[in-house]
Amino acid sequence: MCERLEVPASLACFDVRNLRQINRQRGNREGDKALMFFAELLTFGFRDSDVAARLEGDKFAVLMTNTPISNTQDILDRFKERIDRYAVENSLPYTLDFNVGVSWVEPEGDYDYEKLLCVARSLATQAKG
């Protein structure tokens, strides 16, 4: 769609950092709930035109359509605030921390989504340390 409309796209890959700790301290059932909560907030925390998906385990992605890289940090900051607010409002006994990697393509760029995903996942892994 972005290629057809000649608009920029940003792809964010998320890696939930503390899922293993939640599973260990609170059990797998609570870890599963944490993943569902994260997925739900991804689904409703971005625009309808964006596409959110679970990649595997504790890894998720969001394709942000018509979003240049210059706008992504503000978007991700708002998402983090939403996660933190949800945890407080619902008295969760933990917070969900995540690493994120972002790749992007400009309107005149190469819309190779496989390559974008590879770069964003690599950056999220590097952020994990």
Protein backbone atom coordinates (compact mmCIF):
# COMPACT_ATOMS: atom_id res chain seq x y z
CA MET A 1 0.00 0.00 0.00
CA CYS A 2 2.75 2.49 0.94
CA GLU A 3 4.59 1.78 -2.27
CA ARG A 4 1.45 2.22 -4.37
CA LEU A 5 0.59 5.50 -2.62
CA GLU A 6 4.23 6.63 -2.62
CA VAL A 7 4.30 7.41 1.10
CA PRO A 8 6.97 6.62 3.68
CA ALA A 9 6.66 3.66 6.02
CA SER A 10 8.31 2.81 9.31
CA LEU A 11 8.49 -0.68 10.74
CA ALA A 12 8.93 -1.11 14.50
CA CYS A 13 9.90 -4.46 15.99
CA PHE A 14 9.26 -4.97 19.69
CA ASP A 15 10.93 -7.48 21.96
CA VAL A 16 9.30 -7.80 25.40
CA ARG A 17 12.31 -7.71 27.71
CA ASN A 18 10.99 -9.03 30.99
CA LEU A 19 8.66 -11.84 29.91
CA ARG A 20 11.02 -14.52 31.20
CA GLN A 21 11.08 -12.80 34.60
CA ILE A 22 7.27 -12.57 34.70
CA ASN A 23 7.00 -16.27 33.84
CA ARG A 24 9.55 -17.21 36.49
CA GLN A 25 8.07 -15.05 39.27
CA ARG A 26 4.35 -15.24 38.47
CA GLY A 27 3.95 -18.33 36.29
CA ASN A 28 3.33 -18.96 32.60
CA ARG A 29 -0.36 -18.11 32.88
CA GLU A 30 0.52 -14.56 33.99
CA GLY A 31 3.17 -14.38 31.24
CA ASP A 32 0.51 -15.31 28.69
CA LYS A 33 -1.76 -12.59 30.06
CA ALA A 34 1.09 -10.10 29.78
CA LEU A 35 1.59 -11.01 26.11
CA MET A 36 -2.13 -10.65 25.42
CA PHE A 37 -2.17 -7.27 27.13
CA PHE A 38 0.85 -6.14 25.09
CA ALA A 39 -0.75 -7.38 21.85
CA GLU A 40 -4.03 -5.65 22.66
CA LEU A 41 -2.29 -2.35 23.35
CA LEU A 42 -0.35 -2.70 20.09
CA THR A 43 -3.59 -3.30 18.22
CA PHE A 44 -5.38 -0.30 19.72
CA GLY A 45 -2.36 1.90 20.41
CA PHE A 46 -1.64 2.76 16.80
CA ARG A 47 -3.74 4.09 13.93
CA ASP A 48 -6.25 1.99 12.02
CA SER A 49 -4.03 2.28 8.95
CA ASP A 50 -1.09 0.67 10.79
CA VAL A 51 -0.63 -3.09 10.88
CA ALA A 52 0.33 -4.87 14.10
CA ALA A 53 1.41 -8.52 14.30
CA ARG A 54 2.93 -11.02 16.67
CA LEU A 55 6.04 -12.44 15.05
CA GLU A 56 6.86 -15.16 17.57
CA GLY A 57 7.06 -15.64 21.32
CA ASP A 58 7.68 -12.20 22.82
CA LYS A 59 8.35 -10.44 19.50
CA PHE A 60 5.87 -8.14 17.78
CA ALA A 61 5.91 -5.68 14.87
CA VAL A 62 3.95 -2.65 13.71
CA LEU A 63 4.08 -1.30 10.18
CA MET A 64 3.33 2.42 10.45
CA THR A 65 2.03 3.65 7.13
CA ASN A 66 2.68 7.17 5.93
CA THR A 67 5.10 7.65 8.83
CA PRO A 68 8.56 9.07 8.22
CA ILE A 69 11.31 8.05 10.62
CA SER A 70 11.28 11.57 12.09
CA ASN A 71 7.85 10.89 13.63
CA THR A 72 8.47 7.44 15.09
CA GLN A 73 10.09 8.40 18.39
CA ASP A 74 7.08 10.46 19.47
CA ILE A 75 4.76 7.62 18.48
CA LEU A 76 6.81 5.07 20.42
CA ASP A 77 7.02 7.36 23.46
CA ARG A 78 3.21 7.64 23.50
CA PHE A 79 2.93 3.86 23.22
CA LYS A 80 5.27 3.39 26.20
CA GLU A 81 3.21 5.89 28.22
CA ARG A 82 0.05 3.97 27.31
CA ILE A 83 1.61 0.68 28.49
CA ASP A 84 2.75 2.23 31.77
CA ARG A 85 -0.65 3.87 32.35
CA TYR A 86 -2.47 0.60 31.67
CA ALA A 87 -0.25 -1.23 34.18
CA VAL A 88 -1.03 1.35 36.88
CA GLU A 89 -4.76 1.60 36.12
CA ASN A 90 -5.12 -2.18 36.21
CA SER A 91 -2.86 -2.65 39.27
CA LEU A 92 -0.58 -5.05 37.43
CA PRO A 93 2.12 -6.47 39.71
CA TYR A 94 4.74 -5.81 37.02
CA THR A 95 5.57 -3.45 34.20
CA LEU A 96 6.16 -4.52 30.63
CA ASP A 97 9.51 -3.36 29.36
CA PHE A 98 10.43 -3.71 25.73
CA ASN A 99 13.22 -3.04 23.29
CA VAL A 100 12.33 -1.64 19.93
CA GLY A 101 14.13 -1.40 16.62
CA VAL A 102 12.86 0.74 13.76
CA SER A 103 13.58 0.61 10.06
CA TRP A 104 11.99 2.78 7.41
CA VAL A 105 11.63 3.46 3.73
CA GLU A 106 11.07 6.77 1.99
CA PRO A 107 8.55 7.11 -0.87
CA GLU A 108 11.25 6.75 -3.50
CA GLY A 109 12.97 3.91 -1.61
CA ASP A 110 13.08 0.14 -1.89
CA TYR A 111 9.91 -1.36 -0.39
CA ASP A 112 11.54 -4.68 0.49
CA TYR A 113 9.52 -5.47 3.62
CA GLU A 114 11.55 -8.60 4.36
CA LYS A 115 14.69 -6.46 4.51
CA LEU A 116 12.91 -3.82 6.64
CA LEU A 117 11.83 -6.54 9.08
CA CYS A 118 15.33 -8.00 9.25
CA VAL A 119 16.87 -4.60 10.03
CA ALA A 120 14.24 -3.67 12.64
CA ARG A 121 14.56 -7.05 14.40
CA SER A 122 18.32 -6.74 14.43
CA LEU A 123 18.10 -3.26 15.98
CA ALA A 124 15.66 -4.49 18.65
CA THR A 125 18.05 -7.33 19.51
CA GLN A 126 21.01 -4.95 19.69
CA ALA A 127 19.03 -2.69 22.03
CA LYS A 128 18.56 -5.70 24.31
CA GLY A 129 22.31 -5.69 24.91
